[in-house]
Amino acid sequence: MTAQISDSFRYRDRGFRLTGVKGSGLFDPTRHGLQPQMMSTACYRGFICSYSVTDGGLFLEELCIGLSNVEKLKARHGRGMPLFGKTPRCSDETHQQVMYEALHARVPFSGGLLLANGFIRELYVHMGFHPAWKFQEVHELLFEEGVLLEEIDCSAAMARVRERLGNRPLAPGSSASQGEIEQWVSKSFRLDYD
């Protein structure tokens, strides 16, 4: 298994990574007729979104998506399925991924998002998505139908989580049961938080 590429966010004119979701309404390509396919072991779900938080709202700016060979061929020849009025292009000469760019489409998300910056390299584990407590800077953003309602700096709280976890192992040890390992793997691929 491999660490997963998380969605990116432009927030306060800086780059952040999505580390937690509590709510509904983030972009889902299947709701727009796109069927994502695994792009690599670092992207099992088959797509990566780039969002921005600007003008008091949440916007989808870019989508990188793995599609079937037929859909990739259509995109290569300028006949790919449009998304928010934009035609896709193949991302490189190998045509493995399809890109939708300059979308600036409002996203009707309601709930909370944890955005993080400053990953702490010593906490790296080669599995799933990295949780918020593995980053130096963390912000919780609360939205209603895509409108930003509140911003909370959670950096100090995440530092307390790291302190509380102390020297606990980051992954199950060799004595872990099959069930414990499966539970850990399942949890590492989820982005939900309390």
Protein backbone atom coordinates (compact mmCIF):
# COMPACT_ATOMS: atom_id res chain seq x y z
CA MET A 1 0.00 0.00 0.00
CA THR A 2 1.04 3.58 -0.56
CA ALA A 3 0.51 7.00 1.00
CA GLN A 4 -2.24 8.75 -0.94
CA ILE A 5 -2.09 12.10 -2.71
CA SER A 6 -4.53 14.41 -0.96
CA ASP A 7 -6.55 17.22 -2.48
CA SER A 8 -4.88 20.63 -2.46
CA PHE A 9 -6.30 23.97 -1.37
CA ARG A 10 -5.31 27.56 -2.03
CA TYR A 11 -6.20 29.31 1.23
CA ARG A 12 -4.94 32.69 2.42
CA ASP A 13 -2.75 32.77 -0.72
CA ARG A 14 -0.86 29.66 0.41
CA GLY A 15 -0.96 25.97 -0.38
CA PHE A 16 -2.63 23.50 2.01
CA ARG A 17 -3.58 19.81 1.97
CA LEU A 18 -6.98 18.36 2.85
CA THR A 19 -6.59 16.19 5.97
CA GLY A 20 -10.17 15.87 7.20
CA VAL A 21 -13.80 16.12 6.08
CA LYS A 22 -16.93 16.33 8.20
CA GLY A 23 -19.93 17.06 6.01
CA SER A 24 -21.10 16.59 2.45
CA GLY A 25 -21.00 18.24 -0.94
CA LEU A 26 -17.34 18.12 -1.96
CA PHE A 27 -16.81 17.53 -5.66
CA ASP A 28 -17.62 13.99 -6.78
CA PRO A 29 -16.82 13.21 -10.43
CA THR A 30 -19.43 10.45 -10.62
CA ARG A 31 -22.16 13.07 -10.12
CA HIS A 32 -20.98 14.65 -13.36
CA GLY A 33 -20.88 11.48 -15.46
CA LEU A 34 -17.14 10.81 -14.98
CA GLN A 35 -16.03 7.37 -13.83
CA PRO A 36 -12.61 7.69 -12.17
CA GLN A 37 -10.13 4.84 -12.40
CA MET A 38 -7.07 4.31 -10.23
CA MET A 39 -4.24 6.50 -11.52
CA SER A 40 -1.48 4.90 -9.43
CA THR A 41 -0.98 3.23 -6.07
CA ALA A 42 -0.75 6.80 -4.69
CA CYS A 43 -4.26 7.58 -6.00
CA TYR A 44 -6.56 4.59 -5.61
CA ARG A 45 -9.71 6.71 -5.82
CA GLY A 46 -8.71 7.89 -9.29
CA PHE A 47 -8.85 11.68 -9.00
CA ILE A 48 -7.23 14.65 -7.29
CA CYS A 49 -8.94 18.00 -6.82
CA SER A 50 -7.42 21.45 -6.47
CA TYR A 51 -9.69 23.86 -4.62
CA SER A 52 -9.51 27.48 -3.59
CA VAL A 53 -11.10 29.31 -0.70
CA THR A 54 -11.64 32.79 -2.06
CA ASP A 55 -14.27 35.52 -2.09
CA GLY A 56 -15.86 33.89 0.97
CA GLY A 57 -16.53 30.63 -0.85
CA LEU A 58 -15.21 27.23 -1.88
CA PHE A 59 -14.31 26.63 -5.54
CA LEU A 60 -13.04 23.68 -7.57
CA GLU A 61 -10.17 25.00 -9.69
CA GLU A 62 -8.67 21.86 -11.27
CA LEU A 63 -9.38 18.17 -11.57
CA CYS A 64 -6.81 15.51 -12.44
CA ILE A 65 -8.60 12.24 -13.14
CA GLY A 66 -7.83 8.76 -14.37
CA LEU A 67 -10.37 7.65 -16.98
CA SER A 68 -10.90 4.67 -19.26
CA ASN A 69 -8.74 4.35 -22.36
CA VAL A 70 -11.66 5.39 -24.55
CA GLU A 71 -12.26 8.58 -22.52
CA LYS A 72 -8.53 9.38 -22.47
CA LEU A 73 -8.41 9.00 -26.25
CA LYS A 74 -11.36 11.37 -26.61
CA ALA A 75 -9.61 13.93 -24.38
CA ARG A 76 -6.40 13.54 -26.37
CA HIS A 77 -8.31 14.52 -29.53
CA GLY A 78 -10.23 17.39 -27.93
CA ARG A 79 -13.51 15.48 -27.65
CA GLY A 80 -13.50 14.67 -23.94
CA MET A 81 -16.58 15.09 -21.77
CA PRO A 82 -16.87 18.77 -20.73
CA LEU A 83 -16.99 19.70 -17.06
CA PHE A 84 -18.39 23.10 -16.03
CA GLY A 85 -18.05 24.15 -19.67
CA LYS A 86 -14.37 23.21 -19.91
CA THR A 87 -12.93 20.58 -22.26
CA PRO A 88 -10.28 18.29 -20.76
CA ARG A 89 -6.76 17.68 -21.99
CA CYS A 90 -4.33 14.82 -21.42
CA SER A 91 -1.78 15.79 -18.78
CA ASP A 92 1.37 14.52 -20.54
CA GLU A 93 2.71 12.52 -23.47
CA THR A 94 1.73 9.21 -21.84
CA HIS A 95 -1.92 10.32 -21.68
CA GLN A 96 -2.42 8.49 -18.38
CA GLN A 97 -4.36 11.31 -16.72
CA VAL A 98 -6.92 13.81 -17.88
CA MET A 99 -6.87 17.42 -16.65
CA TYR A 100 -9.70 19.90 -16.29
CA GLU A 101 -8.26 23.35 -15.66
CA ALA A 102 -9.45 26.90 -14.89
CA LEU A 103 -12.81 25.61 -13.65
CA HIS A 104 -13.51 28.05 -10.78
CA ALA A 105 -16.75 26.17 -10.06
CA ARG A 106 -18.52 26.85 -6.78
CA VAL A 107 -18.68 23.76 -4.56
CA PRO A 108 -21.84 23.49 -2.37
CA PHE A 109 -20.06 21.82 0.56
CA SER A 110 -21.67 22.04 4.01
CA GLY A 111 -19.65 21.06 7.07
CA GLY A 112 -16.04 21.24 8.15
CA LEU A 113 -12.72 20.79 6.36
CA LEU A 114 -9.31 20.40 7.98
CA LEU A 115 -6.60 22.06 5.89
CA ALA A 116 -2.96 21.52 6.82
CA ASN A 117 0.49 22.77 5.92
CA GLY A 118 3.98 21.89 7.13
CA PHE A 119 4.07 18.10 7.14
CA ILE A 120 6.35 16.67 9.84
CA ARG A 121 8.56 14.22 7.92
CA GLU A 122 9.35 12.07 10.97
CA LEU A 123 5.65 11.10 11.12
CA TYR A 124 5.51 9.75 7.57
CA VAL A 125 3.86 6.34 7.12
CA HIS A 126 3.62 4.72 3.71
CA MET A 127 -0.15 4.20 3.93
CA GLY A 128 -3.35 6.14 3.24
CA PHE A 129 -3.96 9.82 3.89
CA HIS A 130 -1.93 11.66 6.52
CA PRO A 131 -4.09 12.95 9.40
CA ALA A 132 -4.08 16.59 10.51
CA TRP A 133 -2.00 15.99 13.65
CA LYS A 134 1.01 15.18 11.43
CA PHE A 135 1.19 18.83 10.28
CA GLN A 136 2.53 21.99 11.96
CA GLU A 137 -0.32 24.26 10.80
CA VAL A 138 -3.97 23.19 10.73
CA HIS A 139 -7.14 25.20 10.11
CA GLU A 140 -10.72 24.03 10.35
CA LEU A 141 -12.99 25.81 7.88
CA LEU A 142 -16.74 25.63 8.33
CA PHE A 143 -19.01 26.04 5.29
CA GLU A 144 -22.72 26.18 4.53
CA GLU A 145 -23.58 25.46 0.87
CA GLY A 146 -20.08 26.51 -0.14
CA VAL A 147 -20.08 29.78 1.81
CA LEU A 148 -17.26 30.13 4.36
CA LEU A 149 -18.76 30.77 7.80
CA GLU A 150 -15.89 30.31 10.23
CA GLU A 151 -12.14 29.70 10.37
CA ILE A 152 -10.51 28.07 13.41
CA ASP A 153 -6.76 27.72 13.90
CA CYS A 154 -6.29 24.17 15.26
CA SER A 155 -2.47 24.15 15.16
CA ALA A 156 -2.07 24.21 18.96
CA ALA A 157 -4.67 21.46 19.38
CA MET A 158 -2.82 19.27 16.86
CA ALA A 159 0.45 19.85 18.76
CA ARG A 160 -1.31 18.60 21.91
CA VAL A 161 -2.47 15.49 20.01
CA ARG A 162 1.13 14.81 18.93
CA GLU A 163 2.29 15.24 22.52
CA ARG A 164 -0.45 12.93 23.82
CA LEU A 165 0.46 10.25 21.28
CA GLY A 166 4.09 10.54 22.40
CA ASN A 167 6.20 7.63 21.24
CA ARG A 168 3.37 5.34 20.20
CA PRO A 169 4.07 3.43 17.00
CA LEU A 170 2.70 5.04 13.83
CA ALA A 171 1.70 1.67 12.36
CA PRO A 172 0.74 -1.75 13.74
CA GLY A 173 3.72 -3.79 14.87
CA SER A 174 4.65 -7.32 13.90
CA SER A 175 2.54 -8.73 16.74
CA ALA A 176 -0.67 -7.05 15.48
CA SER A 177 -3.53 -9.34 14.54
CA GLN A 178 -4.94 -9.48 11.01
CA GLY A 179 -8.04 -7.64 12.27
CA GLU A 180 -5.97 -4.84 13.85
CA ILE A 181 -4.02 -4.39 10.62
CA GLU A 182 -7.19 -4.33 8.51
CA GLN A 183 -8.78 -1.78 10.85
CA TRP A 184 -5.68 0.43 10.70
CA VAL A 185 -5.54 0.25 6.88
CA SER A 186 -9.24 1.07 6.59
CA LYS A 187 -8.91 4.03 8.95
CA SER A 188 -5.86 5.40 7.12
CA PHE A 189 -7.84 5.70 3.87
CA ARG A 190 -10.67 7.74 5.45
CA LEU A 191 -10.74 11.50 5.81
CA ASP A 192 -13.63 11.79 8.29
CA TYR A 193 -12.92 13.43 11.66
CA ASP A 194 -14.72 14.21 14.92
